[in-house]
Amino acid sequence: IPNTHNFFLFYIIAELWPNVVFALLFWQFVNNITTVEESKRFYPLFGLLSQTGIYLAGQFLENLSNINDYVTNKFALQSSFHTLSMPTLSV
């Protein structure tokens, strides 16, 4: 049982690692292209834009899933999906 905690921590770190790396690469890039004087002025703007981008991406994905539900219901794709998937499951 203690060994399962190692797997748990491994998967948590594996899921979070790309986010940490992308954030680190982004801020290293920003540090590379801005001077100290510019960074005092632009860092709050970069932080605000990044947080706004996260919010807008969430809203976009939510709307995309609603469009998917609309198309599925309009063209009765759900029933045809079940019809097509039944022979696949029996194989």
PDB file of N, CA and C in Angstrom:
ATOM      1  N   ILE A   1       0.825  -1.203   0.000  1.00  0.00           N
ATOM      2  CA  ILE A   1       0.000   0.000   0.000  1.00  0.00           C
ATOM      3  C   ILE A   1       0.866   1.263   0.000  1.00  0.00           C
ATOM      4  N   PRO A   2       1.991   1.323   0.709  1.00  0.00           N
ATOM      5  CA  PRO A   2       2.789   2.551   0.642  1.00  0.00           C
ATOM      6  C   PRO A   2       3.305   2.849  -0.769  1.00  0.00           C
ATOM      7  N   ASN A   3       3.446   1.811  -1.591  1.00  0.00           N
ATOM      8  CA  ASN A   3       3.945   2.006  -2.944  1.00  0.00           C
ATOM      9  C   ASN A   3       2.945   2.769  -3.815  1.00  0.00           C
ATOM     10  N   THR A   4       1.656   2.689  -3.505  1.00  0.00           N
ATOM     11  CA  THR A   4       0.657   3.400  -4.306  1.00  0.00           C
ATOM     12  C   THR A   4       0.795   4.911  -4.160  1.00  0.00           C
ATOM     13  N   HIS A   5       1.297   5.375  -3.028  1.00  0.00           N
ATOM     14  CA  HIS A   5       1.503   6.813  -2.861  1.00  0.00           C
ATOM     15  C   HIS A   5       2.563   7.329  -3.832  1.00  0.00           C
ATOM     16  N   ASN A   6       3.568   6.510  -4.110  1.00  0.00           N
ATOM     17  CA  ASN A   6       4.592   6.918  -5.070  1.00  0.00           C
ATOM     18  C   ASN A   6       3.993   7.087  -6.460  1.00  0.00           C
ATOM     19  N   PHE A   7       3.127   6.149  -6.861  1.00  0.00           N
ATOM     20  CA  PHE A   7       2.470   6.267  -8.159  1.00  0.00           C
ATOM     21  C   PHE A   7       1.557   7.483  -8.199  1.00  0.00           C
ATOM     22  N   PHE A   8       0.854   7.722  -7.106  1.00  0.00           N
ATOM     23  CA  PHE A   8      -0.041   8.872  -7.018  1.00  0.00           C
ATOM     24  C   PHE A   8       0.736  10.170  -7.208  1.00  0.00           C
ATOM     25  N   LEU A   9       1.844  10.316  -6.501  1.00  0.00           N
ATOM     26  CA  LEU A   9       2.662  11.524  -6.630  1.00  0.00           C
ATOM     27  C   LEU A   9       3.282  11.642  -8.018  1.00  0.00           C
ATOM     28  N   PHE A  10       3.685  10.507  -8.577  1.00  0.00           N
ATOM     29  CA  PHE A  10       4.259  10.526  -9.918  1.00  0.00           C
ATOM     30  C   PHE A  10       3.258  11.060 -10.931  1.00  0.00           C
ATOM     31  N   TYR A  11       2.017  10.586 -10.883  1.00  0.00           N
ATOM     32  CA  TYR A  11       1.020  11.026 -11.857  1.00  0.00           C
ATOM     33  C   TYR A  11       0.613  12.478 -11.633  1.00  0.00           C
ATOM     34  N   ILE A  12       0.563  12.925 -10.395  1.00  0.00           N
ATOM     35  CA  ILE A  12       0.253  14.331 -10.127  1.00  0.00           C
ATOM     36  C   ILE A  12       1.357  15.224 -10.698  1.00  0.00           C
ATOM     37  N   ILE A  13       2.600  14.871 -10.445  1.00  0.00           N
ATOM     38  CA  ILE A  13       3.721  15.673 -10.947  1.00  0.00           C
ATOM     39  C   ILE A  13       3.788  15.602 -12.472  1.00  0.00           C
ATOM     40  N   ALA A  14       3.497  14.433 -13.040  1.00  0.00           N
ATOM     41  CA  ALA A  14       3.520  14.297 -14.495  1.00  0.00           C
ATOM     42  C   ALA A  14       2.457  15.166 -15.155  1.00  0.00           C
ATOM     43  N   GLU A  15       1.308  15.335 -14.506  1.00  0.00           N
ATOM     44  CA  GLU A  15       0.263  16.196 -15.059  1.00  0.00           C
ATOM     45  C   GLU A  15       0.602  17.674 -14.909  1.00  0.00           C
ATOM     46  N   LEU A  16       1.262  18.049 -13.841  1.00  0.00           N
ATOM     47  CA  LEU A  16       1.560  19.457 -13.599  1.00  0.00           C
ATOM     48  C   LEU A  16       2.838  19.929 -14.294  1.00  0.00           C
ATOM     49  N   TRP A  17       3.725  19.011 -14.622  1.00  0.00           N
ATOM     50  CA  TRP A  17       5.028  19.386 -15.151  1.00  0.00           C
ATOM     51  C   TRP A  17       4.951  20.222 -16.429  1.00  0.00           C
ATOM     52  N   PRO A  18       4.137  19.873 -17.439  1.00  0.00           N
ATOM     53  CA  PRO A  18       4.084  20.722 -18.646  1.00  0.00           C
ATOM     54  C   PRO A  18       3.649  22.154 -18.353  1.00  0.00           C
ATOM     55  N   ASN A  19       2.724  22.347 -17.429  1.00  0.00           N
ATOM     56  CA  ASN A  19       2.295  23.703 -17.085  1.00  0.00           C
ATOM     57  C   ASN A  19       3.435  24.505 -16.477  1.00  0.00           C
ATOM     58  N   VAL A  20       4.195  23.869 -15.623  1.00  0.00           N
ATOM     59  CA  VAL A  20       5.333  24.549 -14.996  1.00  0.00           C
ATOM     60  C   VAL A  20       6.385  24.897 -16.046  1.00  0.00           C
ATOM     61  N   VAL A  21       6.672  23.970 -16.929  1.00  0.00           N
ATOM     62  CA  VAL A  21       7.690  24.200 -17.954  1.00  0.00           C
ATOM     63  C   VAL A  21       7.257  25.311 -18.907  1.00  0.00           C
ATOM     64  N   PHE A  22       5.994  25.305 -19.344  1.00  0.00           N
ATOM     65  CA  PHE A  22       5.533  26.354 -20.258  1.00  0.00           C
ATOM     66  C   PHE A  22       5.550  27.721 -19.592  1.00  0.00           C
ATOM     67  N   ALA A  23       5.168  27.791 -18.334  1.00  0.00           N
ATOM     68  CA  ALA A  23       5.221  29.069 -17.625  1.00  0.00           C
ATOM     69  C   ALA A  23       6.666  29.542 -17.492  1.00  0.00           C
ATOM     70  N   LEU A  24       7.557  28.633 -17.165  1.00  0.00           N
ATOM     71  CA  LEU A  24       8.970  28.994 -17.042  1.00  0.00           C
ATOM     72  C   LEU A  24       9.542  29.464 -18.375  1.00  0.00           C
ATOM     73  N   LEU A  25       9.228  28.756 -19.449  1.00  0.00           N
ATOM     74  CA  LEU A  25       9.719  29.163 -20.764  1.00  0.00           C
ATOM     75  C   LEU A  25       9.152  30.515 -21.183  1.00  0.00           C
ATOM     76  N   PHE A  26       7.874  30.747 -20.882  1.00  0.00           N
ATOM     77  CA  PHE A  26       7.266  32.032 -21.229  1.00  0.00           C
ATOM     78  C   PHE A  26       7.964  33.176 -20.514  1.00  0.00           C
ATOM     79  N   TRP A  27       8.161  33.040 -19.199  1.00  0.00           N
ATOM     80  CA  TRP A  27       8.780  34.135 -18.452  1.00  0.00           C
ATOM     81  C   TRP A  27      10.251  34.300 -18.806  1.00  0.00           C
ATOM     82  N   GLN A  28      10.936  33.227 -19.175  1.00  0.00           N
ATOM     83  CA  GLN A  28      12.311  33.375 -19.652  1.00  0.00           C
ATOM     84  C   GLN A  28      12.347  34.125 -20.979  1.00  0.00           C
ATOM     85  N   PHE A  29      11.385  33.838 -21.841  1.00  0.00           N
ATOM     86  CA  PHE A  29      11.297  34.562 -23.106  1.00  0.00           C
ATOM     87  C   PHE A  29      11.017  36.039 -22.868  1.00  0.00           C
ATOM     88  N   VAL A  30      10.083  36.336 -21.966  1.00  0.00           N
ATOM     89  CA  VAL A  30       9.758  37.728 -21.650  1.00  0.00           C
ATOM     90  C   VAL A  30      10.975  38.427 -21.056  1.00  0.00           C
ATOM     91  N   ASN A  31      11.688  37.758 -20.172  1.00  0.00           N
ATOM     92  CA  ASN A  31      12.899  38.355 -19.593  1.00  0.00           C
ATOM     93  C   ASN A  31      13.958  38.628 -20.654  1.00  0.00           C
ATOM     94  N   ASN A  32      13.985  37.785 -21.665  1.00  0.00           N
ATOM     95  CA  ASN A  32      14.978  37.940 -22.719  1.00  0.00           C
ATOM     96  C   ASN A  32      14.677  39.136 -23.621  1.00  0.00           C
ATOM     97  N   ILE A  33      13.403  39.453 -23.837  1.00  0.00           N
ATOM     98  CA  ILE A  33      13.068  40.513 -24.795  1.00  0.00           C
ATOM     99  C   ILE A  33      12.774  41.858 -24.139  1.00  0.00           C
ATOM    100  N   THR A  34      12.696  41.920 -22.816  1.00  0.00           N
ATOM    101  CA  THR A  34      12.405  43.195 -22.153  1.00  0.00           C
ATOM    102  C   THR A  34      13.570  43.607 -21.264  1.00  0.00           C
ATOM    103  N   THR A  35      13.721  44.896 -21.114  1.00  0.00           N
ATOM    104  CA  THR A  35      14.718  45.423 -20.187  1.00  0.00           C
ATOM    105  C   THR A  35      14.080  45.558 -18.808  1.00  0.00           C
ATOM    106  N   VAL A  36      14.876  45.935 -17.823  1.00  0.00           N
ATOM    107  CA  VAL A  36      14.360  46.088 -16.461  1.00  0.00           C
ATOM    108  C   VAL A  36      13.313  47.196 -16.408  1.00  0.00           C
ATOM    109  N   GLU A  37      13.568  48.297 -17.099  1.00  0.00           N
ATOM    110  CA  GLU A  37      12.609  49.406 -17.094  1.00  0.00           C
ATOM    111  C   GLU A  37      11.295  49.001 -17.759  1.00  0.00           C
ATOM    112  N   GLU A  38      11.403  48.278 -18.880  1.00  0.00           N
ATOM    113  CA  GLU A  38      10.194  47.823 -19.567  1.00  0.00           C
ATOM    114  C   GLU A  38       9.439  46.782 -18.755  1.00  0.00           C
ATOM    115  N   SER A  39      10.180  45.941 -18.053  1.00  0.00           N
ATOM    116  CA  SER A  39       9.525  44.879 -17.289  1.00  0.00           C
ATOM    117  C   SER A  39       8.655  45.442 -16.175  1.00  0.00           C
ATOM    118  N   LYS A  40       9.067  46.542 -15.570  1.00  0.00           N
ATOM    119  CA  LYS A  40       8.246  47.156 -14.522  1.00  0.00           C
ATOM    120  C   LYS A  40       6.907  47.620 -15.078  1.00  0.00           C
ATOM    121  N   ARG A  41       6.912  48.003 -16.333  1.00  0.00           N
ATOM    122  CA  ARG A  41       5.688  48.502 -16.947  1.00  0.00           C
ATOM    123  C   ARG A  41       4.849  47.375 -17.556  1.00  0.00           C
ATOM    124  N   PHE A  42       5.494  46.354 -18.140  1.00  0.00           N
ATOM    125  CA  PHE A  42       4.764  45.347 -18.904  1.00  0.00           C
ATOM    126  C   PHE A  42       4.403  44.082 -18.136  1.00  0.00           C
ATOM    127  N   TYR A  43       5.091  43.739 -17.060  1.00  0.00           N
ATOM    128  CA  TYR A  43       4.791  42.493 -16.354  1.00  0.00           C
ATOM    129  C   TYR A  43       3.362  42.423 -15.827  1.00  0.00           C
ATOM    130  N   PRO A  44       2.826  43.494 -15.234  1.00  0.00           N
ATOM    131  CA  PRO A  44       1.415  43.405 -14.821  1.00  0.00           C
ATOM    132  C   PRO A  44       0.473  43.180 -16.006  1.00  0.00           C
ATOM    133  N   LEU A  45       0.779  43.787 -17.138  1.00  0.00           N
ATOM    134  CA  LEU A  45      -0.040  43.588 -18.330  1.00  0.00           C
ATOM    135  C   LEU A  45       0.048  42.143 -18.819  1.00  0.00           C
ATOM    136  N   PHE A  46       1.255  41.577 -18.825  1.00  0.00           N
ATOM    137  CA  PHE A  46       1.415  40.179 -19.231  1.00  0.00           C
ATOM    138  C   PHE A  46       0.649  39.244 -18.298  1.00  0.00           C
ATOM    139  N   GLY A  47       0.721  39.505 -16.997  1.00  0.00           N
ATOM    140  CA  GLY A  47      -0.019  38.686 -16.042  1.00  0.00           C
ATOM    141  C   GLY A  47      -1.516  38.789 -16.238  1.00  0.00           C
ATOM    142  N   LEU A  48      -2.007  39.996 -16.479  1.00  0.00           N
ATOM    143  CA  LEU A  48      -3.439  40.197 -16.707  1.00  0.00           C
ATOM    144  C   LEU A  48      -3.889  39.505 -17.983  1.00  0.00           C
ATOM    145  N   LEU A  49      -3.105  39.622 -19.041  1.00  0.00           N
ATOM    146  CA  LEU A  49      -3.468  38.970 -20.300  1.00  0.00           C
ATOM    147  C   LEU A  49      -3.440  37.450 -20.182  1.00  0.00           C
ATOM    148  N   SER A  50      -2.493  36.919 -19.439  1.00  0.00           N
ATOM    149  CA  SER A  50      -2.435  35.462 -19.295  1.00  0.00           C
ATOM    150  C   SER A  50      -3.635  34.934 -18.518  1.00  0.00           C
ATOM    151  N   GLN A  51      -4.035  35.639 -17.465  1.00  0.00           N
ATOM    152  CA  GLN A  51      -5.204  35.206 -16.698  1.00  0.00           C
ATOM    153  C   GLN A  51      -6.487  35.378 -17.504  1.00  0.00           C
ATOM    154  N   THR A  52      -6.564  36.434 -18.291  1.00  0.00           N
ATOM    155  CA  THR A  52      -7.729  36.634 -19.150  1.00  0.00           C
ATOM    156  C   THR A  52      -7.786  35.552 -20.223  1.00  0.00           C
ATOM    157  N   GLY A  53      -6.636  35.165 -20.742  1.00  0.00           N
ATOM    158  CA  GLY A  53      -6.589  34.101 -21.741  1.00  0.00           C
ATOM    159  C   GLY A  53      -7.077  32.774 -21.195  1.00  0.00           C
ATOM    160  N   ILE A  54      -6.752  32.480 -19.946  1.00  0.00           N
ATOM    161  CA  ILE A  54      -7.233  31.246 -19.322  1.00  0.00           C
ATOM    162  C   ILE A  54      -8.753  31.270 -19.219  1.00  0.00           C
ATOM    163  N   TYR A  55      -9.306  32.403 -18.808  1.00  0.00           N
ATOM    164  CA  TYR A  55     -10.758  32.537 -18.691  1.00  0.00           C
ATOM    165  C   TYR A  55     -11.430  32.405 -20.061  1.00  0.00           C
ATOM    166  N   LEU A  56     -10.886  33.088 -21.069  1.00  0.00           N
ATOM    167  CA  LEU A  56     -11.484  33.036 -22.401  1.00  0.00           C
ATOM    168  C   LEU A  56     -11.388  31.641 -23.016  1.00  0.00           C
ATOM    169  N   ALA A  57     -10.303  30.942 -22.763  1.00  0.00           N
ATOM    170  CA  ALA A  57     -10.176  29.575 -23.269  1.00  0.00           C
ATOM    171  C   ALA A  57     -11.220  28.667 -22.636  1.00  0.00           C
ATOM    172  N   GLY A  58     -11.483  28.846 -21.344  1.00  0.00           N
ATOM    173  CA  GLY A  58     -12.522  28.061 -20.686  1.00  0.00           C
ATOM    174  C   GLY A  58     -13.894  28.344 -21.252  1.00  0.00           C
ATOM    175  N   GLN A  59     -14.192  29.619 -21.496  1.00  0.00           N
ATOM    176  CA  GLN A  59     -15.480  29.983 -22.086  1.00  0.00           C
ATOM    177  C   GLN A  59     -15.610  29.431 -23.506  1.00  0.00           C
ATOM    178  N   PHE A  60     -14.536  29.485 -24.265  1.00  0.00           N
ATOM    179  CA  PHE A  60     -14.556  28.956 -25.628  1.00  0.00           C
ATOM    180  C   PHE A  60     -14.826  27.456 -25.629  1.00  0.00           C
ATOM    181  N   LEU A  61     -14.161  26.724 -24.751  1.00  0.00           N
ATOM    182  CA  LEU A  61     -14.369  25.278 -24.700  1.00  0.00           C
ATOM    183  C   LEU A  61     -15.773  24.932 -24.228  1.00  0.00           C
ATOM    184  N   GLU A  62     -16.318  25.725 -23.309  1.00  0.00           N
ATOM    185  CA  GLU A  62     -17.694  25.496 -22.872  1.00  0.00           C
ATOM    186  C   GLU A  62     -18.664  25.714 -24.031  1.00  0.00           C
ATOM    187  N   ASN A  63     -18.483  26.775 -24.792  1.00  0.00           N
ATOM    188  CA  ASN A  63     -19.343  27.026 -25.949  1.00  0.00           C
ATOM    189  C   ASN A  63     -19.162  25.963 -27.021  1.00  0.00           C
ATOM    190  N   LEU A  64     -17.960  25.482 -27.191  1.00  0.00           N
ATOM    191  CA  LEU A  64     -17.709  24.427 -28.165  1.00  0.00           C
ATOM    192  C   LEU A  64     -18.446  23.147 -27.789  1.00  0.00           C
ATOM    193  N   SER A  65     -18.482  22.828 -26.501  1.00  0.00           N
ATOM    194  CA  SER A  65     -19.222  21.634 -26.086  1.00  0.00           C
ATOM    195  C   SER A  65     -20.723  21.832 -26.262  1.00  0.00           C
ATOM    196  N   ASN A  66     -21.221  23.055 -26.066  1.00  0.00           N
ATOM    197  CA  ASN A  66     -22.641  23.316 -26.306  1.00  0.00           C
ATOM    198  C   ASN A  66     -22.986  23.193 -27.783  1.00  0.00           C
ATOM    199  N   ILE A  67     -22.095  23.647 -28.654  1.00  0.00           N
ATOM    200  CA  ILE A  67     -22.324  23.493 -30.092  1.00  0.00           C
ATOM    201  C   ILE A  67     -22.343  22.019 -30.454  1.00  0.00           C
ATOM    202  N   ASN A  68     -21.465  21.238 -29.859  1.00  0.00           N
ATOM    203  CA  ASN A  68     -21.427  19.806 -30.119  1.00  0.00           C
ATOM    204  C   ASN A  68     -22.741  19.151 -29.706  1.00  0.00           C
ATOM    205  N   ASP A  69     -23.284  19.521 -28.542  1.00  0.00           N
ATOM    206  CA  ASP A  69     -24.574  18.983 -28.108  1.00  0.00           C
ATOM    207  C   ASP A  69     -25.686  19.393 -29.060  1.00  0.00           C
ATOM    208  N   TYR A  70     -25.650  20.633 -29.533  1.00  0.00           N
ATOM    209  CA  TYR A  70     -26.674  21.120 -30.459  1.00  0.00           C
ATOM    210  C   TYR A  70     -26.647  20.320 -31.758  1.00  0.00           C
ATOM    211  N   VAL A  71     -25.467  20.124 -32.319  1.00  0.00           N
ATOM    212  CA  VAL A  71     -25.347  19.382 -33.577  1.00  0.00           C
ATOM    213  C   VAL A  71     -25.766  17.934 -33.373  1.00  0.00           C
ATOM    214  N   THR A  72     -25.385  17.349 -32.257  1.00  0.00           N
ATOM    215  CA  THR A  72     -25.755  15.964 -31.975  1.00  0.00           C
ATOM    216  C   THR A  72     -27.264  15.809 -31.880  1.00  0.00           C
ATOM    217  N   ASN A  73     -27.929  16.717 -31.191  1.00  0.00           N
ATOM    218  CA  ASN A  73     -29.383  16.634 -31.057  1.00  0.00           C
ATOM    219  C   ASN A  73     -30.096  16.972 -32.358  1.00  0.00           C
ATOM    220  N   LYS A  74     -29.602  17.938 -33.112  1.00  0.00           N
ATOM    221  CA  LYS A  74     -30.273  18.366 -34.340  1.00  0.00           C
ATOM    222  C   LYS A  74     -30.267  17.273 -35.390  1.00  0.00           C
ATOM    223  N   PHE A  75     -29.185  16.581 -35.544  1.00  0.00           N
ATOM    224  CA  PHE A  75     -29.067  15.584 -36.599  1.00  0.00           C
ATOM    225  C   PHE A  75     -29.206  14.153 -36.087  1.00  0.00           C
ATOM    226  N   ALA A  76     -29.630  13.983 -34.850  1.00  0.00           N
ATOM    227  CA  ALA A  76     -29.850  12.662 -34.248  1.00  0.00           C
ATOM    228  C   ALA A  76     -28.613  11.783 -34.392  1.00  0.00           C
ATOM    229  N   LEU A  77     -27.467  12.355 -34.120  1.00  0.00           N
ATOM    230  CA  LEU A  77     -26.224  11.601 -34.253  1.00  0.00           C
ATOM    231  C   LEU A  77     -26.009  10.626 -33.105  1.00  0.00           C
ATOM    232  N   GLN A  78     -26.609  10.897 -31.963  1.00  0.00           N
ATOM    233  CA  GLN A  78     -26.406  10.022 -30.817  1.00  0.00           C
ATOM    234  C   GLN A  78     -26.994   8.641 -31.079  1.00  0.00           C
ATOM    235  N   SER A  79     -28.195   8.577 -31.647  1.00  0.00           N
ATOM    236  CA  SER A  79     -28.800   7.273 -31.914  1.00  0.00           C
ATOM    237  C   SER A  79     -28.024   6.526 -32.988  1.00  0.00           C
ATOM    238  N   SER A  80     -27.536   7.227 -34.015  1.00  0.00           N
ATOM    239  CA  SER A  80     -26.760   6.543 -35.039  1.00  0.00           C
ATOM    240  C   SER A  80     -25.419   6.075 -34.475  1.00  0.00           C
ATOM    241  N   PHE A  81     -24.876   6.809 -33.508  1.00  0.00           N
ATOM    242  CA  PHE A  81     -23.634   6.385 -32.882  1.00  0.00           C
ATOM    243  C   PHE A  81     -23.834   5.062 -32.156  1.00  0.00           C
ATOM    244  N   HIS A  82     -24.941   4.928 -31.418  1.00  0.00           N
ATOM    245  CA  HIS A  82     -25.208   3.673 -30.719  1.00  0.00           C
ATOM    246  C   HIS A  82     -25.416   2.540 -31.715  1.00  0.00           C
ATOM    247  N   THR A  83     -26.081   2.813 -32.815  1.00  0.00           N
ATOM    248  CA  THR A  83     -26.307   1.781 -33.821  1.00  0.00           C
ATOM    249  C   THR A  83     -24.985   1.334 -34.431  1.00  0.00           C
ATOM    250  N   LEU A  84     -24.099   2.277 -34.685  1.00  0.00           N
ATOM    251  CA  LEU A  84     -22.816   1.924 -35.284  1.00  0.00           C
ATOM    252  C   LEU A  84     -21.867   1.265 -34.293  1.00  0.00           C
ATOM    253  N   SER A  85     -21.994   1.604 -33.023  1.00  0.00           N
ATOM    254  CA  SER A  85     -21.044   1.069 -32.061  1.00  0.00           C
ATOM    255  C   SER A  85     -21.410  -0.327 -31.577  1.00  0.00           C
ATOM    256  N   MET A  86     -22.651  -0.741 -31.719  1.00  0.00           N
ATOM    257  CA  MET A  86     -23.046  -2.072 -31.249  1.00  0.00           C
ATOM    258  C   MET A  86     -22.330  -3.188 -32.011  1.00  0.00           C
ATOM    259  N   PRO A  87     -22.242  -3.161 -33.351  1.00  0.00           N
ATOM    260  CA  PRO A  87     -21.477  -4.226 -34.024  1.00  0.00           C
ATOM    261  C   PRO A  87     -19.998  -4.211 -33.639  1.00  0.00           C
ATOM    262  N   THR A  88     -19.475  -3.054 -33.359  1.00  0.00           N
ATOM    263  CA  THR A  88     -18.075  -2.966 -32.967  1.00  0.00           C
ATOM    264  C   THR A  88     -17.846  -3.640 -31.622  1.00  0.00           C
ATOM    265  N   LEU A  89     -18.791  -3.466 -30.699  1.00  0.00           N
ATOM    266  CA  LEU A  89     -18.647  -4.077 -29.386  1.00  0.00           C
ATOM    267  C   LEU A  89     -18.803  -5.587 -29.429  1.00  0.00           C
ATOM    268  N   SER A  90     -19.589  -6.101 -30.368  1.00  0.00           N
ATOM    269  CA  SER A  90     -19.814  -7.543 -30.410  1.00  0.00           C
ATOM    270  C   SER A  90     -18.664  -8.287 -31.075  1.00  0.00           C
ATOM    271  N   VAL A  91     -17.778  -7.591 -31.751  1.00  0.00           N
ATOM    272  CA  VAL A  91     -16.660  -8.251 -32.443  1.00  0.00           C
ATOM    273  C   VAL A  91     -15.620  -8.686 -31.488  1.00  0.00           C
TER     274      VAL A  91
END
